[in-house]
Amino acid sequence: MTSVRQVVGTVEGGQVVSNELWRPDASGSGFPAAPPTPEFAAQLEVHGFDATAHAAAQGWWR
C-alpha cells in the first residue's frame, strides 16, 4: 500500500486537493492518517467505518 486518499476538490490550474486517509507505517501496513470529511465519514459509517477508532489510531488494530 502506498496511500489511500479522499479527493476533496481542485484549485485553480487543475491541481487535485486530497486528504491522505491511510498511509503506510514503518512495516508497510496501512496506518490511519487524516480524518475523512464529515460527509464522507458518514457515507463510510454505513459500511462499517468507525471514525472514532480512526481518530485514535495509535495501534488499536494490532
N, C-alpha and C. Protein backbone atom coordinates (compact mmCIF):
# COMPACT_ATOMS: atom_id res chain seq x y z
N MET A 1 0.84 -1.16 0.00
CA MET A 1 0.00 0.00 0.00
C MET A 1 0.89 1.23 0.00
N THR A 2 0.51 2.23 -0.76
CA THR A 2 1.25 3.48 -0.73
C THR A 2 0.43 4.59 -0.10
N SER A 3 -0.88 4.62 -0.33
CA SER A 3 -1.70 5.67 0.22
C SER A 3 -3.16 5.43 -0.16
N VAL A 4 -4.07 5.85 0.74
CA VAL A 4 -5.50 5.89 0.42
C VAL A 4 -5.92 7.33 0.63
N ARG A 5 -6.46 7.93 -0.41
CA ARG A 5 -6.77 9.36 -0.37
C ARG A 5 -8.23 9.63 -0.69
N GLN A 6 -8.74 10.71 -0.14
CA GLN A 6 -10.06 11.23 -0.46
C GLN A 6 -9.84 12.51 -1.27
N VAL A 7 -10.34 12.53 -2.48
CA VAL A 7 -10.25 13.74 -3.29
C VAL A 7 -11.32 14.70 -2.77
N VAL A 8 -10.87 15.91 -2.40
CA VAL A 8 -11.79 16.88 -1.82
C VAL A 8 -12.03 18.10 -2.70
N GLY A 9 -11.32 18.21 -3.81
CA GLY A 9 -11.55 19.33 -4.71
C GLY A 9 -10.36 19.59 -5.61
N THR A 10 -10.46 20.71 -6.30
CA THR A 10 -9.37 21.16 -7.16
C THR A 10 -9.16 22.65 -6.92
N VAL A 11 -7.99 23.11 -7.27
CA VAL A 11 -7.69 24.54 -7.19
C VAL A 11 -7.43 25.06 -8.58
N GLU A 12 -7.30 26.34 -8.70
CA GLU A 12 -7.02 26.96 -10.00
C GLU A 12 -5.79 26.31 -10.63
N GLY A 13 -5.90 25.98 -11.86
CA GLY A 13 -4.80 25.31 -12.55
C GLY A 13 -4.98 23.80 -12.59
N GLY A 14 -6.04 23.29 -11.99
CA GLY A 14 -6.34 21.87 -12.08
C GLY A 14 -5.65 20.98 -11.07
N GLN A 15 -4.95 21.54 -10.09
CA GLN A 15 -4.33 20.71 -9.05
C GLN A 15 -5.40 20.01 -8.23
N VAL A 16 -5.21 18.74 -7.96
CA VAL A 16 -6.14 17.98 -7.14
C VAL A 16 -5.80 18.20 -5.67
N VAL A 17 -6.83 18.44 -4.86
CA VAL A 17 -6.68 18.60 -3.42
C VAL A 17 -7.22 17.33 -2.78
N SER A 18 -6.40 16.70 -1.91
CA SER A 18 -6.83 15.44 -1.31
C SER A 18 -6.37 15.33 0.14
N ASN A 19 -7.05 14.48 0.88
CA ASN A 19 -6.66 14.12 2.24
C ASN A 19 -6.11 12.70 2.20
N GLU A 20 -4.99 12.47 2.85
CA GLU A 20 -4.44 11.12 2.95
C GLU A 20 -5.09 10.45 4.16
N LEU A 21 -6.01 9.52 3.90
CA LEU A 21 -6.75 8.86 4.97
C LEU A 21 -5.95 7.75 5.64
N TRP A 22 -5.22 6.98 4.85
CA TRP A 22 -4.33 5.94 5.35
C TRP A 22 -2.99 6.06 4.64
N ARG A 23 -1.94 5.82 5.39
CA ARG A 23 -0.58 5.86 4.84
C ARG A 23 0.15 4.64 5.38
N PRO A 24 1.25 4.26 4.77
CA PRO A 24 1.99 3.11 5.27
C PRO A 24 2.74 3.46 6.56
N ASP A 25 2.78 2.50 7.49
CA ASP A 25 3.63 2.69 8.67
C ASP A 25 5.01 2.12 8.36
N ALA A 26 5.86 2.01 9.35
CA ALA A 26 7.24 1.55 9.13
C ALA A 26 7.31 0.16 8.51
N SER A 27 6.29 -0.68 8.78
CA SER A 27 6.29 -2.03 8.24
C SER A 27 5.58 -2.13 6.89
N GLY A 28 4.99 -1.00 6.44
CA GLY A 28 4.26 -1.00 5.18
C GLY A 28 2.77 -1.26 5.33
N SER A 29 2.31 -1.50 6.56
CA SER A 29 0.88 -1.70 6.81
C SER A 29 0.15 -0.37 6.77
N GLY A 30 -1.13 -0.42 6.48
CA GLY A 30 -1.93 0.80 6.46
C GLY A 30 -2.07 1.39 7.85
N PHE A 31 -1.89 2.69 7.96
CA PHE A 31 -1.96 3.40 9.24
C PHE A 31 -2.88 4.59 9.06
N PRO A 32 -3.90 4.76 9.90
CA PRO A 32 -4.79 5.91 9.76
C PRO A 32 -4.01 7.22 9.83
N ALA A 33 -4.37 8.14 8.97
CA ALA A 33 -3.71 9.45 8.92
C ALA A 33 -4.76 10.53 9.14
N ALA A 34 -5.02 11.37 8.16
CA ALA A 34 -6.01 12.45 8.29
C ALA A 34 -7.42 11.87 8.32
N PRO A 35 -8.32 12.50 9.06
CA PRO A 35 -9.70 12.03 9.06
C PRO A 35 -10.40 12.38 7.75
N PRO A 36 -11.37 11.57 7.35
CA PRO A 36 -12.17 11.93 6.17
C PRO A 36 -13.06 13.13 6.52
N THR A 37 -13.57 13.80 5.50
CA THR A 37 -14.52 14.88 5.75
C THR A 37 -15.75 14.28 6.45
N PRO A 38 -16.47 15.09 7.23
CA PRO A 38 -17.66 14.56 7.92
C PRO A 38 -18.67 13.90 6.98
N GLU A 39 -18.86 14.48 5.81
CA GLU A 39 -19.81 13.91 4.86
C GLU A 39 -19.36 12.54 4.38
N PHE A 40 -18.07 12.40 4.07
CA PHE A 40 -17.55 11.12 3.60
C PHE A 40 -17.52 10.10 4.74
N ALA A 41 -17.19 10.55 5.95
CA ALA A 41 -17.21 9.64 7.10
C ALA A 41 -18.60 9.07 7.31
N ALA A 42 -19.62 9.89 7.16
CA ALA A 42 -21.00 9.41 7.31
C ALA A 42 -21.32 8.35 6.27
N GLN A 43 -20.84 8.54 5.04
CA GLN A 43 -21.07 7.54 3.99
C GLN A 43 -20.32 6.25 4.32
N LEU A 44 -19.10 6.36 4.82
CA LEU A 44 -18.31 5.18 5.17
C LEU A 44 -18.90 4.43 6.37
N GLU A 45 -19.46 5.17 7.33
CA GLU A 45 -20.02 4.54 8.53
C GLU A 45 -21.16 3.60 8.19
N VAL A 46 -21.90 3.88 7.13
CA VAL A 46 -22.97 2.98 6.67
C VAL A 46 -22.39 1.60 6.34
N HIS A 47 -21.11 1.55 5.98
CA HIS A 47 -20.45 0.32 5.58
C HIS A 47 -19.48 -0.20 6.64
N GLY A 48 -19.57 0.33 7.87
CA GLY A 48 -18.78 -0.20 8.96
C GLY A 48 -17.58 0.62 9.41
N PHE A 49 -17.31 1.74 8.76
CA PHE A 49 -16.19 2.60 9.16
C PHE A 49 -16.46 3.17 10.54
N ASP A 50 -15.43 3.21 11.39
CA ASP A 50 -15.54 3.76 12.74
C ASP A 50 -14.63 4.98 12.84
N ALA A 51 -15.21 6.17 12.73
CA ALA A 51 -14.43 7.41 12.74
C ALA A 51 -13.69 7.59 14.06
N THR A 52 -14.29 7.15 15.16
CA THR A 52 -13.64 7.28 16.47
C THR A 52 -12.38 6.42 16.52
N ALA A 53 -12.45 5.21 16.03
CA ALA A 53 -11.27 4.33 16.01
C ALA A 53 -10.20 4.89 15.08
N HIS A 54 -10.61 5.46 13.94
CA HIS A 54 -9.66 6.04 13.01
C HIS A 54 -8.91 7.20 13.67
N ALA A 55 -9.64 8.00 14.46
CA ALA A 55 -9.02 9.14 15.13
C ALA A 55 -8.07 8.73 16.25
N ALA A 56 -8.31 7.54 16.84
CA ALA A 56 -7.46 7.04 17.92
C ALA A 56 -6.55 5.96 17.36
N ALA A 57 -5.75 6.32 16.39
CA ALA A 57 -5.04 5.36 15.55
C ALA A 57 -3.74 4.82 16.12
N GLN A 58 -3.44 5.05 17.35
CA GLN A 58 -2.15 4.64 17.89
C GLN A 58 -2.09 3.15 18.21
N GLY A 59 -2.23 2.34 17.18
CA GLY A 59 -2.04 0.90 17.33
C GLY A 59 -3.26 0.11 17.74
N TRP A 60 -4.45 0.66 17.63
CA TRP A 60 -5.66 -0.03 18.07
C TRP A 60 -5.92 -1.32 17.31
N TRP A 61 -5.41 -1.46 16.13
CA TRP A 61 -5.71 -2.64 15.30
C TRP A 61 -4.71 -3.76 15.49
N ARG A 62 -3.67 -3.58 16.25
CA ARG A 62 -2.62 -4.60 16.37
C ARG A 62 -2.87 -5.50 17.55
